[in-house]
C-alpha atoms as a PDB file:
ATOM      1  CA  MET A   1     153.504 119.297  59.005  1.00  0.00           C
ATOM      2  CA  SER A   2     153.904 117.244  55.893  1.00  0.00           C
ATOM      3  CA  GLU A   3     151.997 114.297  57.308  1.00  0.00           C
ATOM      4  CA  ALA A   4     149.239 116.679  58.066  1.00  0.00           C
ATOM      5  CA  VAL A   5     149.178 117.962  54.530  1.00  0.00           C
ATOM      6  CA  GLU A   6     149.174 114.448  53.314  1.00  0.00           C
ATOM      7  CA  SER A   7     146.386 113.312  55.654  1.00  0.00           C
ATOM      8  CA  SER A   8     144.358 116.382  54.646  1.00  0.00           C
ATOM      9  CA  ILE A   9     144.680 115.243  50.943  1.00  0.00           C
ATOM     10  CA  GLU A  10     143.708 111.568  51.579  1.00  0.00           C
ATOM     11  CA  LEU A  11     140.747 112.629  53.917  1.00  0.00           C
ATOM     12  CA  THR A  12     139.220 115.534  51.973  1.00  0.00           C
ATOM     13  CA  PRO A  13     135.903 114.263  50.365  1.00  0.00           C
ATOM     14  CA  ALA A  14     136.129 114.322  46.700  1.00  0.00           C
ATOM     15  CA  PRO A  15     133.712 116.533  44.823  1.00  0.00           C
ATOM     16  CA  ALA A  16     130.774 114.812  43.043  1.00  0.00           C
ATOM     17  CA  SER A  17     132.334 115.694  39.515  1.00  0.00           C
ATOM     18  CA  VAL A  18     135.559 114.200  40.455  1.00  0.00           C
ATOM     19  CA  THR A  19     133.929 110.937  41.529  1.00  0.00           C
ATOM     20  CA  TYR A  20     131.847 110.924  38.119  1.00  0.00           C
ATOM     21  CA  HIS A  21     135.069 111.469  36.168  1.00  0.00           C
ATOM     22  CA  GLU A  22     136.949 108.672  38.071  1.00  0.00           C
ATOM     23  CA  GLY A  23     133.989 106.328  37.466  1.00  0.00           C
ATOM     24  CA  ARG A  24     134.070 107.051  33.791  1.00  0.00           C
ATOM     25  CA  LYS A  25     137.895 106.136  33.831  1.00  0.00           C
ATOM     26  CA  VAL A  26     137.195 102.925  35.746  1.00  0.00           C
ATOM     27  CA  LEU A  27     134.513 102.099  33.051  1.00  0.00           C
ATOM     28  CA  SER A  28     137.002 102.747  30.319  1.00  0.00           C
ATOM     29  CA  ILE A  29     139.488 100.434  31.951  1.00  0.00           C
ATOM     30  CA  GLY A  30     136.855  97.666  32.229  1.00  0.00           C
ATOM     31  CA  LEU A  31     135.889  98.175  28.492  1.00  0.00           C
ATOM     32  CA  LEU A  32     139.740  97.930  27.495  1.00  0.00           C
ATOM     33  CA  PHE A  33     139.980  94.647  29.543  1.00  0.00           C
ATOM     34  CA  ALA A  34     136.981  93.431  27.638  1.00  0.00           C
ATOM     35  CA  LEU A  35     138.656  94.252  24.292  1.00  0.00           C
ATOM     36  CA  LEU A  36     141.954  92.650  25.488  1.00  0.00           C
ATOM     37  CA  ALA A  37     139.960  89.306  26.201  1.00  0.00           C
ATOM     38  CA  THR A  38     138.395  89.521  22.718  1.00  0.00           C
ATOM     39  CA  VAL A  39     141.651  90.244  20.927  1.00  0.00           C
ATOM     40  CA  MET A  40     143.285  87.344  22.931  1.00  0.00           C
ATOM     41  CA  VAL A  41     140.551  84.893  21.829  1.00  0.00           C
ATOM     42  CA  ALA A  42     140.921  86.049  18.330  1.00  0.00           C
ATOM     43  CA  ALA A  43     144.623  85.682  18.240  1.00  0.00           C
ATOM     44  CA  VAL A  44     144.465  82.137  19.378  1.00  0.00           C
ATOM     45  CA  ILE A  45     141.844  81.323  16.701  1.00  0.00           C
ATOM     46  CA  ILE A  46     143.678  83.171  13.782  1.00  0.00           C
ATOM     47  CA  GLY A  47     146.412  81.187  12.061  1.00  0.00           C
ATOM     48  CA  PRO A  48     147.514  79.120   9.204  1.00  0.00           C
ATOM     49  CA  PHE A  49     145.771  76.130  10.908  1.00  0.00           C
ATOM     50  CA  GLY A  50     142.144  76.755  10.842  1.00  0.00           C
ATOM     51  CA  LEU A  51     140.385  76.781  14.159  1.00  0.00           C
ATOM     52  CA  THR A  52     136.917  77.859  15.331  1.00  0.00           C
ATOM     53  CA  PHE A  53     135.570  79.364  18.560  1.00  0.00           C
ATOM     54  CA  ASP A  54     134.111  76.061  19.435  1.00  0.00           C
ATOM     55  CA  ASN A  55     137.496  74.202  19.054  1.00  0.00           C
ATOM     56  CA  VAL A  56     139.161  76.771  21.318  1.00  0.00           C
ATOM     57  CA  TYR A  57     136.420  76.648  23.843  1.00  0.00           C
ATOM     58  CA  GLN A  58     136.344  72.835  24.051  1.00  0.00           C
ATOM     59  CA  VAL A  59     140.165  72.841  24.651  1.00  0.00           C
ATOM     60  CA  LEU A  60     140.014  75.426  27.430  1.00  0.00           C
ATOM     61  CA  CYS A  61     137.158  73.610  29.207  1.00  0.00           C
ATOM     62  CA  ALA A  62     138.917  70.328  29.018  1.00  0.00           C
ATOM     63  CA  HIS A  63     142.096  71.872  30.785  1.00  0.00           C
ATOM     64  CA  LEU A  64     140.477  74.500  33.045  1.00  0.00           C
ATOM     65  CA  LEU A  65     137.166  73.182  34.219  1.00  0.00           C
ATOM     66  CA  PRO A  66     136.973  70.627  37.122  1.00  0.00           C
ATOM     67  CA  GLY A  67     136.410  67.185  35.644  1.00  0.00           C
ATOM     68  CA  GLY A  68     137.448  68.249  32.090  1.00  0.00           C
ATOM     69  CA  ASN A  69     138.080  65.303  29.832  1.00  0.00           C
ATOM     70  CA  LEU A  70     141.021  65.674  27.471  1.00  0.00           C
ATOM     71  CA  GLU A  71     140.289  62.546  25.799  1.00  0.00           C
ATOM     72  CA  SER A  72     137.086  64.066  24.297  1.00  0.00           C
ATOM     73  CA  VAL A  73     139.226  66.809  22.599  1.00  0.00           C
ATOM     74  CA  ASN A  74     140.773  66.478  19.134  1.00  0.00           C
ATOM     75  CA  LYS A  75     144.612  65.930  19.870  1.00  0.00           C
ATOM     76  CA  LEU A  76     145.702  68.220  17.082  1.00  0.00           C
ATOM     77  CA  HIS A  77     143.424  71.059  18.308  1.00  0.00           C
ATOM     78  CA  ASN A  78     144.791  70.620  21.774  1.00  0.00           C
ATOM     79  CA  THR A  79     148.333  70.836  20.641  1.00  0.00           C
ATOM     80  CA  VAL A  80     147.740  73.976  18.464  1.00  0.00           C
ATOM     81  CA  VAL A  81     145.708  75.777  21.121  1.00  0.00           C
ATOM     82  CA  TRP A  82     147.199  74.703  24.486  1.00  0.00           C
ATOM     83  CA  ASP A  83     150.800  73.996  23.591  1.00  0.00           C
ATOM     84  CA  ILE A  84     151.417  76.518  20.830  1.00  0.00           C
ATOM     85  CA  ARG A  85     149.170  79.522  20.524  1.00  0.00           C
ATOM     86  CA  LEU A  86     147.826  80.062  24.136  1.00  0.00           C
ATOM     87  CA  PRO A  87     151.198  80.325  25.829  1.00  0.00           C
ATOM     88  CA  ARG A  88     152.342  82.643  23.026  1.00  0.00           C
ATOM     89  CA  VAL A  89     149.377  85.050  23.257  1.00  0.00           C
ATOM     90  CA  LEU A  90     149.662  85.068  27.131  1.00  0.00           C
ATOM     91  CA  LEU A  91     153.364  85.846  27.060  1.00  0.00           C
ATOM     92  CA  ALA A  92     152.704  88.587  24.376  1.00  0.00           C
ATOM     93  CA  ALA A  93     150.145  90.141  26.539  1.00  0.00           C
ATOM     94  CA  ALA A  94     152.515  89.943  29.588  1.00  0.00           C
ATOM     95  CA  VAL A  95     155.370  91.521  27.764  1.00  0.00           C
ATOM     96  CA  GLY A  96     153.102  94.320  26.271  1.00  0.00           C
ATOM     97  CA  ALA A  97     151.840  95.064  29.832  1.00  0.00           C
ATOM     98  CA  ALA A  98     155.284  95.065  31.267  1.00  0.00           C
ATOM     99  CA  LEU A  99     156.856  97.418  28.659  1.00  0.00           C
ATOM    100  CA  ALA A 100     153.789  99.862  28.734  1.00  0.00           C
ATOM    101  CA  VAL A 101     153.678 100.228  32.554  1.00  0.00           C
ATOM    102  CA  SER A 102     157.506 100.549  32.572  1.00  0.00           C
ATOM    103  CA  GLY A 103     157.301 103.331  30.089  1.00  0.00           C
ATOM    104  CA  GLY A 104     154.628 105.092  32.004  1.00  0.00           C
ATOM    105  CA  VAL A 105     156.633 104.968  35.222  1.00  0.00           C
ATOM    106  CA  PHE A 106     159.880 106.187  33.430  1.00  0.00           C
ATOM    107  CA  GLN A 107     157.845 109.054  31.882  1.00  0.00           C
ATOM    108  CA  GLY A 108     156.418 110.027  35.253  1.00  0.00           C
ATOM    109  CA  CYS A 109     159.764 109.987  36.934  1.00  0.00           C
ATOM    110  CA  PHE A 110     161.408 111.948  34.110  1.00  0.00           C
ATOM    111  CA  LYS A 111     158.302 114.238  33.662  1.00  0.00           C
ATOM    112  CA  ASN A 112     158.482 113.848  30.020  1.00  0.00           C
ATOM    113  CA  PRO A 113     156.280 111.575  27.841  1.00  0.00           C
ATOM    114  CA  LEU A 114     158.888 110.975  25.090  1.00  0.00           C
ATOM    115  CA  VAL A 115     161.141 108.679  27.110  1.00  0.00           C
ATOM    116  CA  GLU A 116     160.664 104.895  27.243  1.00  0.00           C
ATOM    117  CA  PRO A 117     161.916 101.892  29.129  1.00  0.00           C
ATOM    118  CA  TYR A 118     165.101 101.520  27.254  1.00  0.00           C
ATOM    119  CA  ILE A 119     166.363 105.040  27.925  1.00  0.00           C
ATOM    120  CA  LEU A 120     168.727 103.984  30.619  1.00  0.00           C
ATOM    121  CA  GLY A 121     170.400 101.247  28.701  1.00  0.00           C
ATOM    122  CA  ALA A 122     168.266  98.291  29.603  1.00  0.00           C
ATOM    123  CA  SER A 123     168.169  96.994  26.032  1.00  0.00           C
ATOM    124  CA  SER A 124     171.776  97.460  25.291  1.00  0.00           C
ATOM    125  CA  GLY A 125     172.735  95.592  28.589  1.00  0.00           C
ATOM    126  CA  ALA A 126     170.347  92.630  27.757  1.00  0.00           C
ATOM    127  CA  ALA A 127     171.620  92.620  24.186  1.00  0.00           C
ATOM    128  CA  PHE A 128     175.191  92.195  25.438  1.00  0.00           C
ATOM    129  CA  GLY A 129     174.109  89.558  27.948  1.00  0.00           C
ATOM    130  CA  ALA A 130     172.376  87.621  25.229  1.00  0.00           C
ATOM    131  CA  ALA A 131     175.283  87.954  22.808  1.00  0.00           C
ATOM    132  CA  LEU A 132     177.805  86.902  25.455  1.00  0.00           C
ATOM    133  CA  ALA A 133     175.803  83.729  26.169  1.00  0.00           C
ATOM    134  CA  ILE A 134     175.410  82.936  22.463  1.00  0.00           C
ATOM    135  CA  VAL A 135     179.066  83.466  21.507  1.00  0.00           C
ATOM    136  CA  LEU A 136     180.593  81.740  24.578  1.00  0.00           C
ATOM    137  CA  GLN A 137     178.824  78.523  24.615  1.00  0.00           C
ATOM    138  CA  THR A 138     180.658  77.626  27.816  1.00  0.00           C
ATOM    139  CA  PHE A 139     179.366  80.605  29.744  1.00  0.00           C
ATOM    140  CA  LEU A 140     178.054  79.743  33.042  1.00  0.00           C
ATOM    141  CA  LEU A 141     174.776  81.741  32.661  1.00  0.00           C
ATOM    142  CA  SER A 142     171.769  80.774  30.482  1.00  0.00           C
ATOM    143  CA  LEU A 143     170.919  83.249  27.649  1.00  0.00           C
ATOM    144  CA  GLN A 144     167.780  84.608  29.581  1.00  0.00           C
ATOM    145  CA  LEU A 145     169.635  84.977  32.771  1.00  0.00           C
ATOM    146  CA  SER A 146     172.630  86.654  31.225  1.00  0.00           C
ATOM    147  CA  ALA A 147     170.301  89.100  29.539  1.00  0.00           C
ATOM    148  CA  PHE A 148     168.456  89.915  32.658  1.00  0.00           C
ATOM    149  CA  ILE A 149     171.571  90.444  34.830  1.00  0.00           C
ATOM    150  CA  PHE A 150     173.445  92.679  32.324  1.00  0.00           C
ATOM    151  CA  SER A 151     170.116  94.772  31.644  1.00  0.00           C
ATOM    152  CA  VAL A 152     169.887  95.389  35.452  1.00  0.00           C
ATOM    153  CA  ILE A 153     173.554  96.156  35.594  1.00  0.00           C
ATOM    154  CA  ALA A 154     173.254  98.808  32.757  1.00  0.00           C
ATOM    155  CA  VAL A 155     170.269 100.690  34.207  1.00  0.00           C
ATOM    156  CA  PHE A 156     171.989 100.839  37.755  1.00  0.00           C
ATOM    157  CA  GLY A 157     175.292 101.684  36.125  1.00  0.00           C
ATOM    158  CA  ALA A 158     173.526 104.706  34.502  1.00  0.00           C
ATOM    159  CA  TYR A 159     171.759 105.614  37.747  1.00  0.00           C
ATOM    160  CA  SER A 160     175.036 105.458  39.738  1.00  0.00           C
ATOM    161  CA  LEU A 161     176.936 107.415  37.171  1.00  0.00           C
ATOM    162  CA  ALA A 162     174.184 110.187  37.186  1.00  0.00           C
ATOM    163  CA  ARG A 163     174.020 110.473  40.989  1.00  0.00           C
ATOM    164  CA  VAL A 164     175.786 113.695  42.207  1.00  0.00           C
ATOM    165  CA  ARG A 165     175.783 114.726  45.934  1.00  0.00           C
ATOM    166  CA  GLY A 166     172.849 112.579  46.857  1.00  0.00           C
ATOM    167  CA  GLU A 167     170.675 113.717  43.776  1.00  0.00           C
ATOM    168  CA  THR A 168     169.999 112.559  40.477  1.00  0.00           C
ATOM    169  CA  PRO A 169     169.351 115.203  37.799  1.00  0.00           C
ATOM    170  CA  ILE A 170     167.131 114.155  35.173  1.00  0.00           C
ATOM    171  CA  VAL A 171     169.196 115.403  32.348  1.00  0.00           C
ATOM    172  CA  THR A 172     172.381 113.856  33.770  1.00  0.00           C
ATOM    173  CA  LEU A 173     170.491 110.692  34.137  1.00  0.00           C
ATOM    174  CA  ILE A 174     169.324 110.428  30.581  1.00  0.00           C
ATOM    175  CA  LEU A 175     172.954 111.394  29.411  1.00  0.00           C
ATOM    176  CA  ALA A 176     174.393 108.620  31.668  1.00  0.00           C
ATOM    177  CA  GLY A 177     171.939 106.214  30.028  1.00  0.00           C
ATOM    178  CA  VAL A 178     172.968 107.283  26.560  1.00  0.00           C
ATOM    179  CA  VAL A 179     176.670 106.734  27.607  1.00  0.00           C
ATOM    180  CA  ILE A 180     176.037 103.319  29.223  1.00  0.00           C
ATOM    181  CA  GLY A 181     173.933 102.232  26.235  1.00  0.00           C
ATOM    182  CA  SER A 182     176.684 103.219  23.789  1.00  0.00           C
ATOM    183  CA  ILE A 183     179.176 101.237  25.733  1.00  0.00           C
ATOM    184  CA  PHE A 184     177.082  98.099  25.576  1.00  0.00           C
ATOM    185  CA  THR A 185     176.291  98.559  22.136  1.00  0.00           C
ATOM    186  CA  ALA A 186     179.852  98.686  21.297  1.00  0.00           C
ATOM    187  CA  LEU A 187     180.517  95.604  23.167  1.00  0.00           C
ATOM    188  CA  VAL A 188     177.633  93.860  21.260  1.00  0.00           C
ATOM    189  CA  SER A 189     179.357  94.889  17.980  1.00  0.00           C
ATOM    190  CA  ILE A 190     182.676  93.307  19.128  1.00  0.00           C
ATOM    191  CA  LEU A 191     180.858  90.083  19.895  1.00  0.00           C
ATOM    192  CA  LYS A 192     179.050  90.214  16.526  1.00  0.00           C
ATOM    193  CA  TYR A 193     182.355  90.725  14.860  1.00  0.00           C
ATOM    194  CA  LEU A 194     184.001  87.774  16.785  1.00  0.00           C
ATOM    195  CA  ALA A 195     181.099  85.499  16.483  1.00  0.00           C
ATOM    196  CA  ALA A 196     180.935  82.514  13.980  1.00  0.00           C
ATOM    197  CA  ASP A 197     178.144  82.631  11.202  1.00  0.00           C
ATOM    198  CA  ALA A 198     175.714  80.520  13.130  1.00  0.00           C
ATOM    199  CA  ALA A 199     176.084  82.594  16.461  1.00  0.00           C
ATOM    200  CA  LEU A 200     175.867  85.801  14.450  1.00  0.00           C
ATOM    201  CA  ARG A 201     172.606  84.723  12.967  1.00  0.00           C
ATOM    202  CA  GLU A 202     171.253  83.811  16.403  1.00  0.00           C
ATOM    203  CA  ILE A 203     172.403  87.275  17.838  1.00  0.00           C
ATOM    204  CA  VAL A 204     170.639  89.246  15.023  1.00  0.00           C
ATOM    205  CA  PHE A 205     167.539  87.185  15.231  1.00  0.00           C
ATOM    206  CA  TRP A 206     167.247  87.641  19.075  1.00  0.00           C
ATOM    207  CA  LEU A 207     167.844  91.386  18.704  1.00  0.00           C
ATOM    208  CA  MET A 208     164.790  91.769  16.536  1.00  0.00           C
ATOM    209  CA  GLY A 209     162.560  90.244  19.292  1.00  0.00           C
ATOM    210  CA  GLY A 210     159.828  87.669  18.928  1.00  0.00           C
ATOM    211  CA  PHE A 211     157.765  84.952  20.595  1.00  0.00           C
ATOM    212  CA  TYR A 212     158.716  82.190  18.389  1.00  0.00           C
ATOM    213  CA  TYR A 213     159.679  79.715  21.145  1.00  0.00           C
ATOM    214  CA  ALA A 214     157.085  80.818  23.723  1.00  0.00           C
ATOM    215  CA  VAL A 215     156.215  77.860  26.162  1.00  0.00           C
ATOM    216  CA  TRP A 216     154.306  77.601  29.453  1.00  0.00           C
ATOM    217  CA  LYS A 217     157.537  77.779  31.266  1.00  0.00           C
ATOM    218  CA  ASP A 218     158.057  81.377  29.970  1.00  0.00           C
ATOM    219  CA  VAL A 219     154.611  82.354  30.889  1.00  0.00           C
ATOM    220  CA  ALA A 220     155.061  81.046  34.340  1.00  0.00           C
ATOM    221  CA  LEU A 221     158.321  83.038  34.670  1.00  0.00           C
ATOM    222  CA  VAL A 222     156.957  86.389  33.267  1.00  0.00           C
ATOM    223  CA  LEU A 223     153.233  86.601  33.960  1.00  0.00           C
ATOM    224  CA  PRO A 224     153.085  86.461  37.926  1.00  0.00           C
ATOM    225  CA  PRO A 225     155.892  89.086  38.418  1.00  0.00           C
ATOM    226  CA  VAL A 226     154.326  91.359  35.845  1.00  0.00           C
ATOM    227  CA  ILE A 227     150.925  91.202  37.400  1.00  0.00           C
ATOM    228  CA  GLY A 228     152.411  91.537  40.891  1.00  0.00           C
ATOM    229  CA  LEU A 229     154.672  94.546  39.953  1.00  0.00           C
ATOM    230  CA  THR A 230     151.932  96.205  38.025  1.00  0.00           C
ATOM    231  CA  CYS A 231     149.632  96.140  41.111  1.00  0.00           C
ATOM    232  CA  ILE A 232     152.143  97.568  43.268  1.00  0.00           C
ATOM    233  CA  LEU A 233     152.946 100.368  40.806  1.00  0.00           C
ATOM    234  CA  CYS A 234     149.421 101.125  40.274  1.00  0.00           C
ATOM    235  CA  MET A 235     148.829 101.281  44.086  1.00  0.00           C
ATOM    236  CA  LEU A 236     151.675 103.708  44.279  1.00  0.00           C
ATOM    237  CA  GLY A 237     150.362 105.888  41.527  1.00  0.00           C
ATOM    238  CA  TRP A 238     149.364 108.737  43.641  1.00  0.00           C
ATOM    239  CA  LYS A 239     152.917 109.083  44.643  1.00  0.00           C
ATOM    240  CA  LEU A 240     154.043 109.096  40.981  1.00  0.00           C
ATOM    241  CA  ASN A 241     151.641 111.836  40.527  1.00  0.00           C
ATOM    242  CA  ILE A 242     153.271 113.919  43.269  1.00  0.00           C
ATOM    243  CA  ILE A 243     156.797 113.180  41.769  1.00  0.00           C
ATOM    244  CA  SER A 244     155.739 114.126  38.325  1.00  0.00           C
ATOM    245  CA  MET A 245     154.944 117.526  39.616  1.00  0.00           C
ATOM    246  CA  GLY A 246     158.459 118.220  40.523  1.00  0.00           C
ATOM    247  CA  ASP A 247     160.964 117.572  43.510  1.00  0.00           C
ATOM    248  CA  GLU A 248     160.225 120.689  45.227  1.00  0.00           C
ATOM    249  CA  GLU A 249     156.432 120.141  45.206  1.00  0.00           C
ATOM    250  CA  ALA A 250     157.092 116.479  46.396  1.00  0.00           C
ATOM    251  CA  ARG A 251     159.050 117.394  49.310  1.00  0.00           C
ATOM    252  CA  THR A 252     156.431 120.159  50.238  1.00  0.00           C
ATOM    253  CA  LEU A 253     153.881 117.331  50.472  1.00  0.00           C
ATOM    254  CA  GLY A 254     156.307 115.166  52.517  1.00  0.00           C
ATOM    255  CA  ILE A 255     157.404 112.781  49.680  1.00  0.00           C
ATOM    256  CA  ASN A 256     161.101 112.023  49.459  1.00  0.00           C
ATOM    257  CA  PRO A 257     161.555 112.249  45.674  1.00  0.00           C
ATOM    258  CA  GLU A 258     164.926 110.396  45.450  1.00  0.00           C
ATOM    259  CA  LYS A 259     163.743 107.609  47.593  1.00  0.00           C
ATOM    260  CA  TYR A 260     160.691 107.039  45.439  1.00  0.00           C
ATOM    261  CA  LYS A 261     162.456 107.447  42.158  1.00  0.00           C
ATOM    262  CA  ILE A 262     164.758 104.685  43.116  1.00  0.00           C
ATOM    263  CA  ILE A 263     161.766 102.411  43.886  1.00  0.00           C
ATOM    264  CA  PHE A 264     159.948 103.234  40.759  1.00  0.00           C
ATOM    265  CA  ILE A 265     162.975 102.867  38.519  1.00  0.00           C
ATOM    266  CA  LEU A 266     163.911  99.584  40.332  1.00  0.00           C
ATOM    267  CA  LEU A 267     160.389  98.036  39.780  1.00  0.00           C
ATOM    268  CA  ALA A 268     160.190  99.335  36.183  1.00  0.00           C
ATOM    269  CA  THR A 269     163.622  97.984  35.448  1.00  0.00           C
ATOM    270  CA  LEU A 270     162.849  94.602  36.849  1.00  0.00           C
ATOM    271  CA  MET A 271     159.763  94.231  34.564  1.00  0.00           C
ATOM    272  CA  THR A 272     161.584  95.587  31.419  1.00  0.00           C
ATOM    273  CA  ALA A 273     164.725  93.292  32.058  1.00  0.00           C
ATOM    274  CA  LEU A 274     162.494  90.329  32.612  1.00  0.00           C
ATOM    275  CA  SER A 275     160.772  90.945  29.477  1.00  0.00           C
ATOM    276  CA  VAL A 276     163.607  91.676  27.361  1.00  0.00           C
ATOM    277  CA  SER A 277     165.595  88.727  28.531  1.00  0.00           C
ATOM    278  CA  ILE A 278     162.859  86.350  27.402  1.00  0.00           C
ATOM    279  CA  VAL A 279     161.687  87.744  24.104  1.00  0.00           C
ATOM    280  CA  GLY A 280     164.466  90.121  22.976  1.00  0.00           C
ATOM    281  CA  ILE A 281     164.206  93.725  22.154  1.00  0.00           C
ATOM    282  CA  ILE A 282     160.701  95.062  21.215  1.00  0.00           C
ATOM    283  CA  ALA A 283     160.736  98.777  20.537  1.00  0.00           C
ATOM    284  CA  TRP A 284     158.166 101.687  20.783  1.00  0.00           C
ATOM    285  CA  VAL A 285     155.664  99.908  23.059  1.00  0.00           C
ATOM    286  CA  GLY A 286     156.982 101.692  26.176  1.00  0.00           C
ATOM    287  CA  LEU A 287     156.787 104.969  24.392  1.00  0.00           C
ATOM    288  CA  MET A 288     153.394 104.770  22.460  1.00  0.00           C
ATOM    289  CA  MET A 289     151.204 102.943  24.906  1.00  0.00           C
ATOM    290  CA  PRO A 290     151.601 105.163  28.017  1.00  0.00           C
ATOM    291  CA  HIS A 291     150.952 108.168  25.842  1.00  0.00           C
ATOM    292  CA  ALA A 292     147.783 106.648  24.213  1.00  0.00           C
ATOM    293  CA  ALA A 293     146.586 105.758  27.763  1.00  0.00           C
ATOM    294  CA  ARG A 294     147.244 109.409  28.922  1.00  0.00           C
ATOM    295  CA  MET A 295     145.167 110.777  26.033  1.00  0.00           C
ATOM    296  CA  LEU A 296     142.328 108.423  26.900  1.00  0.00           C
ATOM    297  CA  LEU A 297     142.382 108.398  30.723  1.00  0.00           C
ATOM    298  CA  GLY A 298     144.260 111.607  31.648  1.00  0.00           C
ATOM    299  CA  PRO A 299     147.651 112.154  33.398  1.00  0.00           C
ATOM    300  CA  ASP A 300     146.561 110.556  36.857  1.00  0.00           C
ATOM    301  CA  HIS A 301     148.889 107.432  37.176  1.00  0.00           C
ATOM    302  CA  ARG A 302     146.251 105.497  39.274  1.00  0.00           C
ATOM    303  CA  PHE A 303     144.191 105.111  36.093  1.00  0.00           C
ATOM    304  CA  MET A 304     146.883 105.711  33.532  1.00  0.00           C
ATOM    305  CA  LEU A 305     149.118 102.832  34.432  1.00  0.00           C
ATOM    306  CA  PRO A 306     146.569 100.014  34.423  1.00  0.00           C
ATOM    307  CA  GLY A 307     145.179 101.544  31.138  1.00  0.00           C
ATOM    308  CA  ALA A 308     148.663 101.522  29.629  1.00  0.00           C
ATOM    309  CA  ALA A 309     149.059  97.893  30.720  1.00  0.00           C
ATOM    310  CA  ILE A 310     145.974  96.802  29.029  1.00  0.00           C
ATOM    311  CA  MET A 311     146.505  98.815  25.807  1.00  0.00           C
ATOM    312  CA  GLY A 312     150.275  97.482  25.790  1.00  0.00           C
ATOM    313  CA  SER A 313     148.861  93.944  25.844  1.00  0.00           C
ATOM    314  CA  ILE A 314     146.346  94.639  23.131  1.00  0.00           C
ATOM    315  CA  TYR A 315     149.000  96.161  21.053  1.00  0.00           C
ATOM    316  CA  ILE A 316     151.660  93.429  21.258  1.00  0.00           C
ATOM    317  CA  VAL A 317     149.024  90.608  20.847  1.00  0.00           C
ATOM    318  CA  ILE A 318     147.820  92.237  17.595  1.00  0.00           C
ATOM    319  CA  CYS A 319     151.380  92.907  16.285  1.00  0.00           C
ATOM    320  CA  ASP A 320     152.374  89.244  17.118  1.00  0.00           C
ATOM    321  CA  THR A 321     149.172  88.018  15.268  1.00  0.00           C
ATOM    322  CA  LEU A 322     150.278  90.013  12.243  1.00  0.00           C
ATOM    323  CA  ALA A 323     153.831  88.901  12.469  1.00  0.00           C
ATOM    324  CA  ARG A 324     152.920  85.272  12.166  1.00  0.00           C
ATOM    325  CA  ASN A 325     150.163  85.661   9.672  1.00  0.00           C
ATOM    326  CA  LEU A 326     151.201  88.367   7.067  1.00  0.00           C
ATOM    327  CA  THR A 327     153.627  86.167   5.184  1.00  0.00           C
ATOM    328  CA  ASN A 328     154.411  82.383   4.870  1.00  0.00           C
ATOM    329  CA  THR A 329     157.422  82.848   7.106  1.00  0.00           C
ATOM    330  CA  GLU A 330     157.183  84.670  10.445  1.00  0.00           C
ATOM    331  CA  ILE A 331     158.243  88.152  10.778  1.00  0.00           C
ATOM    332  CA  PRO A 332     160.003  89.325  14.018  1.00  0.00           C
ATOM    333  CA  VAL A 333     157.507  91.189  16.138  1.00  0.00           C
ATOM    334  CA  GLY A 334     159.999  93.936  16.814  1.00  0.00           C
ATOM    335  CA  ILE A 335     159.969  94.882  13.147  1.00  0.00           C
ATOM    336  CA  ILE A 336     156.177  95.293  13.181  1.00  0.00           C
ATOM    337  CA  THR A 337     156.253  97.407  16.186  1.00  0.00           C
ATOM    338  CA  SER A 338     159.056  99.669  14.832  1.00  0.00           C
ATOM    339  CA  ILE A 339     157.216 100.079  11.454  1.00  0.00           C
ATOM    340  CA  LEU A 340     154.076 101.259  13.447  1.00  0.00           C
ATOM    341  CA  GLY A 341     155.914 103.207  15.932  1.00  0.00           C
ATOM    342  CA  ALA A 342     158.091 105.353  13.902  1.00  0.00           C
ATOM    343  CA  PRO A 343     155.109 107.339  12.394  1.00  0.00           C
ATOM    344  CA  TYR A 344     153.659 107.677  15.864  1.00  0.00           C
ATOM    345  CA  LEU A 345     156.750 109.284  17.260  1.00  0.00           C
ATOM    346  CA  ILE A 346     156.728 111.683  14.423  1.00  0.00           C
ATOM    347  CA  TYR A 347     153.145 112.445  15.245  1.00  0.00           C
ATOM    348  CA  LEU A 348     153.984 113.185  18.905  1.00  0.00           C
ATOM    349  CA  LEU A 349     157.024 115.221  18.035  1.00  0.00           C
ATOM    350  CA  ARG A 350     154.869 117.429  15.502  1.00  0.00           C
ATOM    351  CA  SER A 351     151.671 117.744  17.415  1.00  0.00           C
ATOM    352  CA  LYS A 352     152.275 117.332  21.115  1.00  0.00           C
ATOM    353  CA  GLY A 353     155.884 117.326  22.269  1.00  0.00           C
ATOM    354  CA  ARG A 354     156.650 117.932  25.866  1.00  0.00           C
ATOM    355  CA  SER A 355     153.264 119.575  26.498  1.00  0.00           C
ATOM    356  CA  ALA A 356     151.542 116.204  26.109  1.00  0.00           C
ATOM    357  CA  PHE A 357     152.331 115.151  29.638  1.00  0.00           C
ATOM    358  CA  GLY A 358     149.746 117.612  30.907  1.00  0.00           C
ATOM    359  CA  GLY A 359     147.033 115.615  29.069  1.00  0.00           C
END
């Protein structure tokens, strides 16, 4: 019977008004993508070393077009654009998309727009992994790999702790995340207490998040998985719509909520852990961007998730551009996102609250 209900939902022709609204949402996503491209080009141009659009265009053509001639490009322009700024901008866009999509998925699973990707301890676990690799120089794992592994361990530790008799109550899961996060935060404090001065500075610097050392290797490591996982989650958006209605409604429509919650949390956790392990902890993106996308595109995750991905990319690219240009010394981008994010959370709490999820 559930299959019949599901088939009837998929095969029922959509009214003209629904098609019209969906077309508007697709157009909005296209306009957001055009804005992202514009912001990324501007971010490559803007900086202490003066560049023009023509300089950037020449470097990109020399690298990307068949028969491009690098000898005809100014070597200094090539270094600034191709080796420094472009990988940094691409990495910022990928991380912004990953955190925003992860936040949207967690909000859908928890049926609450005020949760974010770090709610289950991903950031605390990653912080402990990174601190462990920094303090123990003979540690077998690299900083990035250690942060990734402990981030995943933290999330699934919280999930396992909250699972009772084959079910995972939302409130219990959030409380388990708080507990696991507190444990890893305490362990990070112990490592900071034991660390030498140089290691302590490195830990604090990493915890603030940033794209200071972005290289093409990082882009190759983060961008393809983020694109792939985002596409998968967007294709599963209709199931996330059903799960966000509640477990009973999902079962009525033939969807196993526990099974798909595990899938969604796994995919979102992988993106979050990968991002945090490379660039450190960048707060608020996973909370703010899904909510902004929901206000623009509505609560339908088929459109909200790609919209959140693009808006997250735009936001992080802008914040990173501000971080490296506001002062003579670079500001960690995590500070910029926190300064902008706190007033936004106050706005959410005062004006929308839980009802915001209904769009």
